[in-house]
Amino acid sequence: MQKSERSGILIALCGFALLSVGDAVIKSMAGEFSPLGVAAIRFALGSIGLSALLAANEGAAAFRPRSLNLQAARGICLAAASLCFFSAIFVMQLATAMALAFVSPVIVALLSGPLLGEKVRRAVWLASFVALVGVMLVLRPNLAELGWVALLPLASAFFFALMIIANRASAGQGSALSMQVFIQIGAMPLLVLAALGGHLSGVESLELAMPDWSIIGRCAVVAVTASSAHWLAYIGTQRAGAATIAPTTYVQMLVATFMGWWWFGDVPDLLTLAGAAIIIGAGLILWWTTPREPATPRAD
């Protein structure tokens, strides 16, 4: 394995691990503030910070997307996925919510057929069946205990999969930084409206008030860690290639399980861990069976 590939894998691992650390910080605000409000503040801060970086590095012209509708679709999907996942980790164990969210690669493979015109391979159907078994194991106690709320991570995975497909369709329409700015600016108004709607709904857990400084501080931490994580994953992909980096995303499950135990005292039962392993196995089936592009010789 070349040195650049090894360093790319290590950098991507750090990035994906950092994402789960940010999720744990989000969960620490459960019961202190509305999950919809947390999502709105987090993405407002992220939008402001990334926009400042984009303006400083690429100028005002970088804020003009080639396809406004496509960027709006990316923002809508990110907003929906974030709202569902933030709400889920407020009421569920972090590892459980993360396990269900890992169904997204299978959903991407299934939806790539009707939405992108790609052929759905036999391995995709096999992976879908395997993932379904894992989902049933993970949902087994949570659906009975929490009701339909337990399905929020699956809804998040669905919208995240749509976002990945929209990302594919928008490839080449801007720099990595501008694409992050477009999607966060697109998501922010919807998150603000959702937070206001939750406040007006009369549901006590969704009521808004002036946030304590610690809420804003933790949202700022998540904005920085998430943006840094995406950047590290991007650098890792550039060095090692998307196919090599893909399996490293599952380090999030290990970090989420550790953070849930260490920070919140949550210990998933054996069936939940078995279900998570099966879901991850479904993702690995897709990775192993995906045709690889032929390697191109690199210049010294």
C-alpha atoms as a PDB file:
ATOM      1  CA  MET A   1       0.000   0.000   0.000  1.00  0.00           C
ATOM      2  CA  GLN A   2       1.445   3.369  -0.973  1.00  0.00           C
ATOM      3  CA  LYS A   3       2.273   5.951   1.676  1.00  0.00           C
ATOM      4  CA  SER A   4      -0.329   8.416   0.354  1.00  0.00           C
ATOM      5  CA  GLU A   5      -3.018   5.720   0.513  1.00  0.00           C
ATOM      6  CA  ARG A   6      -2.141   4.803   4.096  1.00  0.00           C
ATOM      7  CA  SER A   7      -2.195   8.446   5.155  1.00  0.00           C
ATOM      8  CA  GLY A   8      -5.516   8.931   3.337  1.00  0.00           C
ATOM      9  CA  ILE A   9      -7.103   6.056   5.260  1.00  0.00           C
ATOM     10  CA  LEU A  10      -5.799   7.422   8.579  1.00  0.00           C
ATOM     11  CA  ILE A  11      -7.059  10.938   7.806  1.00  0.00           C
ATOM     12  CA  ALA A  12     -10.496   9.625   6.804  1.00  0.00           C
ATOM     13  CA  LEU A  13     -10.692   7.514   9.979  1.00  0.00           C
ATOM     14  CA  CYS A  14     -10.021  10.631  12.055  1.00  0.00           C
ATOM     15  CA  GLY A  15     -12.698  12.520  10.159  1.00  0.00           C
ATOM     16  CA  PHE A  16     -15.414   9.895  10.589  1.00  0.00           C
ATOM     17  CA  ALA A  17     -14.521   9.400  14.253  1.00  0.00           C
ATOM     18  CA  LEU A  18     -14.850  13.145  14.772  1.00  0.00           C
ATOM     19  CA  LEU A  19     -18.407  13.014  13.412  1.00  0.00           C
ATOM     20  CA  SER A  20     -19.475  10.648  16.196  1.00  0.00           C
ATOM     21  CA  VAL A  21     -17.841  12.864  18.800  1.00  0.00           C
ATOM     22  CA  GLY A  22     -20.000  15.715  17.491  1.00  0.00           C
ATOM     23  CA  ASP A  23     -23.096  13.503  17.717  1.00  0.00           C
ATOM     24  CA  ALA A  24     -22.292  12.838  21.373  1.00  0.00           C
ATOM     25  CA  VAL A  25     -22.043  16.584  22.010  1.00  0.00           C
ATOM     26  CA  ILE A  26     -25.480  16.998  20.415  1.00  0.00           C
ATOM     27  CA  LYS A  27     -26.916  14.262  22.646  1.00  0.00           C
ATOM     28  CA  SER A  28     -25.516  16.027  25.719  1.00  0.00           C
ATOM     29  CA  MET A  29     -28.096  18.785  25.129  1.00  0.00           C
ATOM     30  CA  ALA A  30     -31.069  16.402  25.427  1.00  0.00           C
ATOM     31  CA  GLY A  31     -33.588  17.815  27.887  1.00  0.00           C
ATOM     32  CA  GLU A  32     -31.870  21.216  27.905  1.00  0.00           C
ATOM     33  CA  PHE A  33     -33.113  22.611  24.593  1.00  0.00           C
ATOM     34  CA  SER A  34     -35.350  21.743  21.655  1.00  0.00           C
ATOM     35  CA  PRO A  35     -33.626  19.305  19.228  1.00  0.00           C
ATOM     36  CA  LEU A  36     -35.042  21.387  16.363  1.00  0.00           C
ATOM     37  CA  GLY A  37     -33.569  24.522  17.901  1.00  0.00           C
ATOM     38  CA  VAL A  38     -30.211  22.811  18.354  1.00  0.00           C
ATOM     39  CA  ALA A  39     -30.188  21.846  14.665  1.00  0.00           C
ATOM     40  CA  ALA A  40     -31.062  25.419  13.635  1.00  0.00           C
ATOM     41  CA  ILE A  41     -28.322  26.979  15.780  1.00  0.00           C
ATOM     42  CA  ARG A  42     -25.716  24.427  14.707  1.00  0.00           C
ATOM     43  CA  PHE A  43     -26.312  25.009  10.985  1.00  0.00           C
ATOM     44  CA  ALA A  44     -26.653  28.780  11.361  1.00  0.00           C
ATOM     45  CA  LEU A  45     -23.205  28.891  12.969  1.00  0.00           C
ATOM     46  CA  GLY A  46     -21.803  26.495  10.376  1.00  0.00           C
ATOM     47  CA  SER A  47     -23.221  28.544   7.499  1.00  0.00           C
ATOM     48  CA  ILE A  48     -21.744  31.775   8.843  1.00  0.00           C
ATOM     49  CA  GLY A  49     -18.304  30.293   9.475  1.00  0.00           C
ATOM     50  CA  LEU A  50     -18.013  28.432   6.158  1.00  0.00           C
ATOM     51  CA  SER A  51     -19.367  31.415   4.200  1.00  0.00           C
ATOM     52  CA  ALA A  52     -16.674  33.618   5.718  1.00  0.00           C
ATOM     53  CA  LEU A  53     -14.012  31.091   4.701  1.00  0.00           C
ATOM     54  CA  LEU A  54     -15.418  30.840   1.175  1.00  0.00           C
ATOM     55  CA  ALA A  55     -15.543  34.617   0.753  1.00  0.00           C
ATOM     56  CA  ALA A  56     -11.960  34.961   1.958  1.00  0.00           C
ATOM     57  CA  ASN A  57     -10.603  32.166  -0.252  1.00  0.00           C
ATOM     58  CA  GLU A  58     -12.687  32.297  -3.434  1.00  0.00           C
ATOM     59  CA  GLY A  59     -14.500  35.630  -3.458  1.00  0.00           C
ATOM     60  CA  ALA A  60     -18.120  36.578  -4.110  1.00  0.00           C
ATOM     61  CA  ALA A  61     -18.312  34.675  -7.421  1.00  0.00           C
ATOM     62  CA  ALA A  62     -18.066  31.364  -5.556  1.00  0.00           C
ATOM     63  CA  PHE A  63     -21.514  31.954  -4.033  1.00  0.00           C
ATOM     64  CA  ARG A  64     -23.292  31.589  -7.411  1.00  0.00           C
ATOM     65  CA  PRO A  65     -24.333  27.930  -7.887  1.00  0.00           C
ATOM     66  CA  ARG A  66     -24.731  26.587 -11.411  1.00  0.00           C
ATOM     67  CA  SER A  67     -27.981  24.809 -10.552  1.00  0.00           C
ATOM     68  CA  LEU A  68     -29.994  26.551  -7.846  1.00  0.00           C
ATOM     69  CA  ASN A  69     -32.692  23.850  -7.807  1.00  0.00           C
ATOM     70  CA  LEU A  70     -30.150  21.068  -7.272  1.00  0.00           C
ATOM     71  CA  GLN A  71     -28.458  22.920  -4.429  1.00  0.00           C
ATOM     72  CA  ALA A  72     -31.872  23.589  -2.860  1.00  0.00           C
ATOM     73  CA  ALA A  73     -32.637  19.862  -3.056  1.00  0.00           C
ATOM     74  CA  ARG A  74     -29.357  19.082  -1.288  1.00  0.00           C
ATOM     75  CA  GLY A  75     -30.220  21.562   1.456  1.00  0.00           C
ATOM     76  CA  ILE A  76     -33.733  20.155   1.919  1.00  0.00           C
ATOM     77  CA  CYS A  77     -32.390  16.610   2.242  1.00  0.00           C
ATOM     78  CA  LEU A  78     -29.705  17.671   4.724  1.00  0.00           C
ATOM     79  CA  ALA A  79     -32.245  19.592   6.807  1.00  0.00           C
ATOM     80  CA  ALA A  80     -34.650  16.641   6.944  1.00  0.00           C
ATOM     81  CA  ALA A  81     -31.881  14.128   7.719  1.00  0.00           C
ATOM     82  CA  SER A  82     -30.476  16.350  10.479  1.00  0.00           C
ATOM     83  CA  LEU A  83     -33.855  17.016  12.096  1.00  0.00           C
ATOM     84  CA  CYS A  84     -34.657  13.309  12.195  1.00  0.00           C
ATOM     85  CA  PHE A  85     -31.240  12.265  13.510  1.00  0.00           C
ATOM     86  CA  PHE A  86     -30.942  15.028  16.122  1.00  0.00           C
ATOM     87  CA  SER A  87     -34.434  14.199  17.402  1.00  0.00           C
ATOM     88  CA  ALA A  88     -33.557  10.486  17.465  1.00  0.00           C
ATOM     89  CA  ILE A  89     -30.377  10.794  19.532  1.00  0.00           C
ATOM     90  CA  PHE A  90     -32.224  12.966  22.059  1.00  0.00           C
ATOM     91  CA  VAL A  91     -34.405   9.961  22.986  1.00  0.00           C
ATOM     92  CA  MET A  92     -32.389   6.894  21.884  1.00  0.00           C
ATOM     93  CA  GLN A  93     -28.997   5.426  22.649  1.00  0.00           C
ATOM     94  CA  LEU A  94     -26.381   6.979  20.373  1.00  0.00           C
ATOM     95  CA  ALA A  95     -25.110   3.601  19.131  1.00  0.00           C
ATOM     96  CA  THR A  96     -28.652   2.420  18.330  1.00  0.00           C
ATOM     97  CA  ALA A  97     -29.484   5.505  16.288  1.00  0.00           C
ATOM     98  CA  MET A  98     -26.129   5.278  14.496  1.00  0.00           C
ATOM     99  CA  ALA A  99     -26.677   1.603  13.651  1.00  0.00           C
ATOM    100  CA  LEU A 100     -30.016   2.333  11.980  1.00  0.00           C
ATOM    101  CA  ALA A 101     -28.564   5.336  10.133  1.00  0.00           C
ATOM    102  CA  PHE A 102     -25.994   3.029   8.514  1.00  0.00           C
ATOM    103  CA  VAL A 103     -28.773   1.669   6.293  1.00  0.00           C
ATOM    104  CA  SER A 104     -28.221   4.724   4.053  1.00  0.00           C
ATOM    105  CA  PRO A 105     -25.624   3.077   1.718  1.00  0.00           C
ATOM    106  CA  VAL A 106     -28.152   0.351   0.897  1.00  0.00           C
ATOM    107  CA  ILE A 107     -30.862   2.957   0.261  1.00  0.00           C
ATOM    108  CA  VAL A 108     -28.470   4.873  -1.990  1.00  0.00           C
ATOM    109  CA  ALA A 109     -27.819   1.723  -4.036  1.00  0.00           C
ATOM    110  CA  LEU A 110     -31.551   1.012  -4.351  1.00  0.00           C
ATOM    111  CA  LEU A 111     -32.513   4.580  -5.311  1.00  0.00           C
ATOM    112  CA  SER A 112     -29.636   5.012  -7.770  1.00  0.00           C
ATOM    113  CA  GLY A 113     -31.600   2.871 -10.229  1.00  0.00           C
ATOM    114  CA  PRO A 114     -34.781   4.940 -10.565  1.00  0.00           C
ATOM    115  CA  LEU A 115     -33.163   8.334  -9.835  1.00  0.00           C
ATOM    116  CA  LEU A 116     -29.801   8.095 -11.640  1.00  0.00           C
ATOM    117  CA  GLY A 117     -30.575   5.402 -14.194  1.00  0.00           C
ATOM    118  CA  GLU A 118     -27.984   3.021 -12.766  1.00  0.00           C
ATOM    119  CA  LYS A 119     -28.525  -0.730 -12.956  1.00  0.00           C
ATOM    120  CA  VAL A 120     -29.485  -2.265  -9.603  1.00  0.00           C
ATOM    121  CA  ARG A 121     -27.155  -5.246  -9.220  1.00  0.00           C
ATOM    122  CA  ARG A 122     -28.066  -8.566  -7.577  1.00  0.00           C
ATOM    123  CA  ALA A 123     -25.676  -7.764  -4.759  1.00  0.00           C
ATOM    124  CA  VAL A 124     -27.784  -4.703  -3.935  1.00  0.00           C
ATOM    125  CA  TRP A 125     -30.869  -6.854  -3.385  1.00  0.00           C
ATOM    126  CA  LEU A 126     -28.824  -9.256  -1.235  1.00  0.00           C
ATOM    127  CA  ALA A 127     -27.430  -6.388   0.818  1.00  0.00           C
ATOM    128  CA  SER A 128     -30.942  -4.945   1.193  1.00  0.00           C
ATOM    129  CA  PHE A 129     -32.252  -8.228   2.617  1.00  0.00           C
ATOM    130  CA  VAL A 130     -29.296  -8.536   4.984  1.00  0.00           C
ATOM    131  CA  ALA A 131     -29.745  -4.935   6.135  1.00  0.00           C
ATOM    132  CA  LEU A 132     -33.453  -5.527   6.740  1.00  0.00           C
ATOM    133  CA  VAL A 133     -32.633  -8.403   9.093  1.00  0.00           C
ATOM    134  CA  GLY A 134     -30.247  -6.144  10.992  1.00  0.00           C
ATOM    135  CA  VAL A 135     -32.810  -3.340  11.180  1.00  0.00           C
ATOM    136  CA  MET A 136     -35.417  -5.693  12.638  1.00  0.00           C
ATOM    137  CA  LEU A 137     -32.975  -6.790  15.345  1.00  0.00           C
ATOM    138  CA  VAL A 138     -32.081  -3.197  16.281  1.00  0.00           C
ATOM    139  CA  LEU A 139     -35.707  -2.043  16.260  1.00  0.00           C
ATOM    140  CA  ARG A 140     -36.889  -5.058  18.284  1.00  0.00           C
ATOM    141  CA  PRO A 141     -36.846  -3.419  21.743  1.00  0.00           C
ATOM    142  CA  ASN A 142     -36.927   0.229  20.680  1.00  0.00           C
ATOM    143  CA  LEU A 143     -40.154   0.122  18.669  1.00  0.00           C
ATOM    144  CA  ALA A 144     -42.013  -1.386  21.624  1.00  0.00           C
ATOM    145  CA  GLU A 145     -40.487   1.078  24.091  1.00  0.00           C
ATOM    146  CA  LEU A 146     -40.476   4.323  22.069  1.00  0.00           C
ATOM    147  CA  GLY A 147     -43.144   3.736  19.438  1.00  0.00           C
ATOM    148  CA  TRP A 148     -42.825   5.385  16.031  1.00  0.00           C
ATOM    149  CA  VAL A 149     -40.053   7.674  17.324  1.00  0.00           C
ATOM    150  CA  ALA A 150     -37.734   4.671  16.933  1.00  0.00           C
ATOM    151  CA  LEU A 151     -38.115   5.006  13.154  1.00  0.00           C
ATOM    152  CA  LEU A 152     -36.535   8.474  13.091  1.00  0.00           C
ATOM    153  CA  PRO A 153     -33.003   7.152  12.329  1.00  0.00           C
ATOM    154  CA  LEU A 154     -34.420   5.253   9.330  1.00  0.00           C
ATOM    155  CA  ALA A 155     -36.084   8.449   8.097  1.00  0.00           C
ATOM    156  CA  SER A 156     -32.751  10.222   8.559  1.00  0.00           C
ATOM    157  CA  ALA A 157     -31.000   7.474   6.563  1.00  0.00           C
ATOM    158  CA  PHE A 158     -33.545   7.866   3.746  1.00  0.00           C
ATOM    159  CA  PHE A 159     -33.047  11.627   3.440  1.00  0.00           C
ATOM    160  CA  PHE A 160     -29.283  11.219   3.792  1.00  0.00           C
ATOM    161  CA  ALA A 161     -29.355   8.755   0.899  1.00  0.00           C
ATOM    162  CA  LEU A 162     -31.274  11.273  -1.216  1.00  0.00           C
ATOM    163  CA  MET A 163     -28.645  13.868  -0.316  1.00  0.00           C
ATOM    164  CA  ILE A 164     -25.833  11.553  -1.458  1.00  0.00           C
ATOM    165  CA  ILE A 165     -27.606  11.049  -4.787  1.00  0.00           C
ATOM    166  CA  ALA A 166     -28.048  14.817  -5.149  1.00  0.00           C
ATOM    167  CA  ASN A 167     -24.348  15.226  -4.323  1.00  0.00           C
ATOM    168  CA  ARG A 168     -23.483  12.850  -7.168  1.00  0.00           C
ATOM    169  CA  ALA A 169     -25.685  14.811  -9.553  1.00  0.00           C
ATOM    170  CA  SER A 170     -23.993  18.088  -8.547  1.00  0.00           C
ATOM    171  CA  ALA A 171     -20.414  16.818  -8.867  1.00  0.00           C
ATOM    172  CA  GLY A 172     -18.135  19.351 -10.510  1.00  0.00           C
ATOM    173  CA  GLN A 173     -20.391  22.351  -9.866  1.00  0.00           C
ATOM    174  CA  GLY A 174     -18.028  23.990  -7.410  1.00  0.00           C
ATOM    175  CA  SER A 175     -15.149  23.533  -5.003  1.00  0.00           C
ATOM    176  CA  ALA A 176     -15.428  21.285  -1.966  1.00  0.00           C
ATOM    177  CA  LEU A 177     -15.789  24.352   0.251  1.00  0.00           C
ATOM    178  CA  SER A 178     -18.468  25.985  -1.894  1.00  0.00           C
ATOM    179  CA  MET A 179     -20.470  22.755  -1.995  1.00  0.00           C
ATOM    180  CA  GLN A 180     -20.446  22.659   1.815  1.00  0.00           C
ATOM    181  CA  VAL A 181     -21.594  26.282   1.927  1.00  0.00           C
ATOM    182  CA  PHE A 182     -24.405  25.719  -0.593  1.00  0.00           C
ATOM    183  CA  ILE A 183     -25.839  22.747   1.276  1.00  0.00           C
ATOM    184  CA  GLN A 184     -25.684  24.392   4.703  1.00  0.00           C
ATOM    185  CA  ILE A 185     -27.202  27.663   3.478  1.00  0.00           C
ATOM    186  CA  GLY A 186     -29.926  25.631   1.777  1.00  0.00           C
ATOM    187  CA  ALA A 187     -30.686  23.712   4.959  1.00  0.00           C
ATOM    188  CA  MET A 188     -30.590  26.617   7.421  1.00  0.00           C
ATOM    189  CA  PRO A 189     -33.916  28.384   6.563  1.00  0.00           C
ATOM    190  CA  LEU A 190     -35.813  25.091   6.732  1.00  0.00           C
ATOM    191  CA  LEU A 191     -34.261  24.257  10.093  1.00  0.00           C
ATOM    192  CA  VAL A 192     -35.198  27.684  11.459  1.00  0.00           C
ATOM    193  CA  LEU A 193     -38.786  27.263  10.237  1.00  0.00           C
ATOM    194  CA  ALA A 194     -38.932  23.760  11.749  1.00  0.00           C
ATOM    195  CA  ALA A 195     -37.697  25.098  15.093  1.00  0.00           C
ATOM    196  CA  LEU A 196     -40.344  27.853  15.059  1.00  0.00           C
ATOM    197  CA  GLY A 197     -43.019  25.327  14.065  1.00  0.00           C
ATOM    198  CA  GLY A 198     -41.999  23.075  16.938  1.00  0.00           C
ATOM    199  CA  HIS A 199     -42.231  26.015  19.343  1.00  0.00           C
ATOM    200  CA  LEU A 200     -45.738  26.916  18.140  1.00  0.00           C
ATOM    201  CA  SER A 201     -46.883  23.277  18.269  1.00  0.00           C
ATOM    202  CA  GLY A 202     -47.291  23.398  22.031  1.00  0.00           C
ATOM    203  CA  VAL A 203     -45.089  20.335  22.587  1.00  0.00           C
ATOM    204  CA  GLU A 204     -43.117  21.087  25.741  1.00  0.00           C
ATOM    205  CA  SER A 205     -39.870  19.468  24.579  1.00  0.00           C
ATOM    206  CA  LEU A 206     -39.895  21.604  21.406  1.00  0.00           C
ATOM    207  CA  GLU A 207     -40.481  24.975  23.075  1.00  0.00           C
ATOM    208  CA  LEU A 208     -37.811  27.608  22.441  1.00  0.00           C
ATOM    209  CA  ALA A 209     -36.292  30.039  24.907  1.00  0.00           C
ATOM    210  CA  MET A 210     -33.172  32.170  24.982  1.00  0.00           C
ATOM    211  CA  PRO A 211     -30.430  29.524  24.788  1.00  0.00           C
ATOM    212  CA  ASP A 212     -27.858  29.345  27.540  1.00  0.00           C
ATOM    213  CA  TRP A 213     -24.300  30.163  26.498  1.00  0.00           C
ATOM    214  CA  SER A 214     -23.363  26.504  26.911  1.00  0.00           C
ATOM    215  CA  ILE A 215     -25.947  25.505  24.280  1.00  0.00           C
ATOM    216  CA  ILE A 216     -24.511  27.971  21.767  1.00  0.00           C
ATOM    217  CA  GLY A 217     -20.987  26.906  22.706  1.00  0.00           C
ATOM    218  CA  ARG A 218     -21.725  23.217  22.159  1.00  0.00           C
ATOM    219  CA  CYS A 219     -23.482  23.957  18.869  1.00  0.00           C
ATOM    220  CA  ALA A 220     -20.374  25.905  17.804  1.00  0.00           C
ATOM    221  CA  VAL A 221     -18.185  22.937  18.758  1.00  0.00           C
ATOM    222  CA  VAL A 222     -20.339  20.625  16.626  1.00  0.00           C
ATOM    223  CA  ALA A 223     -20.267  23.075  13.710  1.00  0.00           C
ATOM    224  CA  VAL A 224     -16.457  23.091  13.833  1.00  0.00           C
ATOM    225  CA  THR A 225     -16.034  19.343  14.365  1.00  0.00           C
ATOM    226  CA  ALA A 226     -18.520  18.420  11.630  1.00  0.00           C
ATOM    227  CA  SER A 227     -16.976  20.792   9.080  1.00  0.00           C
ATOM    228  CA  SER A 228     -13.495  19.579  10.003  1.00  0.00           C
ATOM    229  CA  ALA A 229     -14.646  15.955   9.748  1.00  0.00           C
ATOM    230  CA  HIS A 230     -16.077  16.468   6.262  1.00  0.00           C
ATOM    231  CA  TRP A 231     -12.864  18.173   5.199  1.00  0.00           C
ATOM    232  CA  LEU A 232     -10.725  15.324   6.569  1.00  0.00           C
ATOM    233  CA  ALA A 233     -12.916  12.773   4.777  1.00  0.00           C
ATOM    234  CA  TYR A 234     -12.507  14.785   1.569  1.00  0.00           C
ATOM    235  CA  ILE A 235      -8.712  14.890   1.914  1.00  0.00           C
ATOM    236  CA  GLY A 236      -8.613  11.176   2.730  1.00  0.00           C
ATOM    237  CA  THR A 237     -10.697  10.404  -0.358  1.00  0.00           C
ATOM    238  CA  GLN A 238      -8.402  12.502  -2.526  1.00  0.00           C
ATOM    239  CA  ARG A 239      -5.351  10.580  -1.311  1.00  0.00           C
ATOM    240  CA  ALA A 240      -6.679   7.019  -1.166  1.00  0.00           C
ATOM    241  CA  GLY A 241      -9.757   6.997  -3.426  1.00  0.00           C
ATOM    242  CA  ALA A 242     -13.458   6.710  -2.603  1.00  0.00           C
ATOM    243  CA  ALA A 243     -13.541   2.904  -2.867  1.00  0.00           C
ATOM    244  CA  THR A 244     -10.711   2.510  -0.361  1.00  0.00           C
ATOM    245  CA  ILE A 245     -12.150   5.048   2.067  1.00  0.00           C
ATOM    246  CA  ALA A 246     -15.759   3.764   2.037  1.00  0.00           C
ATOM    247  CA  PRO A 247     -15.399   1.053   4.764  1.00  0.00           C
ATOM    248  CA  THR A 248     -13.679   3.484   7.165  1.00  0.00           C
ATOM    249  CA  THR A 249     -17.003   5.241   7.767  1.00  0.00           C
ATOM    250  CA  TYR A 250     -17.992   2.362  10.066  1.00  0.00           C
ATOM    251  CA  VAL A 251     -15.520   3.577  12.672  1.00  0.00           C
ATOM    252  CA  GLN A 252     -18.382   5.896  13.634  1.00  0.00           C
ATOM    253  CA  MET A 253     -20.202   2.917  15.151  1.00  0.00           C
ATOM    254  CA  LEU A 254     -17.249   2.056  17.386  1.00  0.00           C
ATOM    255  CA  VAL A 255     -16.815   5.658  18.509  1.00  0.00           C
ATOM    256  CA  ALA A 256     -20.575   6.108  19.052  1.00  0.00           C
ATOM    257  CA  THR A 257     -20.722   2.962  21.189  1.00  0.00           C
ATOM    258  CA  PHE A 258     -17.747   4.121  23.264  1.00  0.00           C
ATOM    259  CA  MET A 259     -19.050   7.691  23.652  1.00  0.00           C
ATOM    260  CA  GLY A 260     -22.507   6.427  24.595  1.00  0.00           C
ATOM    261  CA  TRP A 261     -21.032   4.181  27.303  1.00  0.00           C
ATOM    262  CA  TRP A 262     -18.451   6.677  28.582  1.00  0.00           C
ATOM    263  CA  TRP A 263     -20.568   9.836  28.526  1.00  0.00           C
ATOM    264  CA  PHE A 264     -24.142   8.634  29.031  1.00  0.00           C
ATOM    265  CA  GLY A 265     -23.813   5.149  30.527  1.00  0.00           C
ATOM    266  CA  ASP A 266     -25.644   3.575  27.564  1.00  0.00           C
ATOM    267  CA  VAL A 267     -24.690  -0.037  26.868  1.00  0.00           C
ATOM    268  CA  PRO A 268     -26.422  -1.615  23.835  1.00  0.00           C
ATOM    269  CA  ASP A 269     -27.639  -5.177  24.363  1.00  0.00           C
ATOM    270  CA  LEU A 270     -26.150  -8.063  22.408  1.00  0.00           C
ATOM    271  CA  LEU A 271     -29.027  -8.266  19.903  1.00  0.00           C
ATOM    272  CA  THR A 272     -28.684  -4.567  19.107  1.00  0.00           C
ATOM    273  CA  LEU A 273     -24.940  -4.996  18.552  1.00  0.00           C
ATOM    274  CA  ALA A 274     -25.637  -8.069  16.411  1.00  0.00           C
ATOM    275  CA  GLY A 275     -28.118  -6.063  14.346  1.00  0.00           C
ATOM    276  CA  ALA A 276     -25.572  -3.276  13.944  1.00  0.00           C
ATOM    277  CA  ALA A 277     -22.955  -5.792  12.778  1.00  0.00           C
ATOM    278  CA  ILE A 278     -25.407  -7.208  10.219  1.00  0.00           C
ATOM    279  CA  ILE A 279     -26.237  -3.710   8.883  1.00  0.00           C
ATOM    280  CA  ILE A 280     -22.533  -2.913   8.588  1.00  0.00           C
ATOM    281  CA  GLY A 281     -22.056  -6.267   6.861  1.00  0.00           C
ATOM    282  CA  ALA A 282     -24.675  -5.258   4.295  1.00  0.00           C
ATOM    283  CA  GLY A 283     -22.715  -2.093   3.591  1.00  0.00           C
ATOM    284  CA  LEU A 284     -19.524  -4.093   3.204  1.00  0.00           C
ATOM    285  CA  ILE A 285     -21.258  -6.438   0.735  1.00  0.00           C
ATOM    286  CA  LEU A 286     -21.975  -3.409  -1.433  1.00  0.00           C
ATOM    287  CA  TRP A 287     -18.375  -2.237  -1.133  1.00  0.00           C
ATOM    288  CA  TRP A 288     -16.864  -5.634  -1.965  1.00  0.00           C
ATOM    289  CA  THR A 289     -19.124  -6.166  -4.982  1.00  0.00           C
ATOM    290  CA  THR A 290     -18.911  -2.680  -6.473  1.00  0.00           C
ATOM    291  CA  PRO A 291     -16.841  -2.717  -9.697  1.00  0.00           C
ATOM    292  CA  ARG A 292     -13.611  -0.781  -9.277  1.00  0.00           C
ATOM    293  CA  GLU A 293     -12.377   1.688 -11.839  1.00  0.00           C
ATOM    294  CA  PRO A 294      -9.011   0.681 -13.291  1.00  0.00           C
ATOM    295  CA  ALA A 295      -6.143   2.357 -11.557  1.00  0.00           C
ATOM    296  CA  THR A 296      -4.371   5.065 -13.518  1.00  0.00           C
ATOM    297  CA  PRO A 297      -0.572   5.318 -13.325  1.00  0.00           C
ATOM    298  CA  ARG A 298       0.660   8.192 -11.184  1.00  0.00           C
ATOM    299  CA  ALA A 299       3.446  10.496 -12.263  1.00  0.00           C
ATOM    300  CA  ASP A 300       6.394  10.803  -9.944  1.00  0.00           C
END
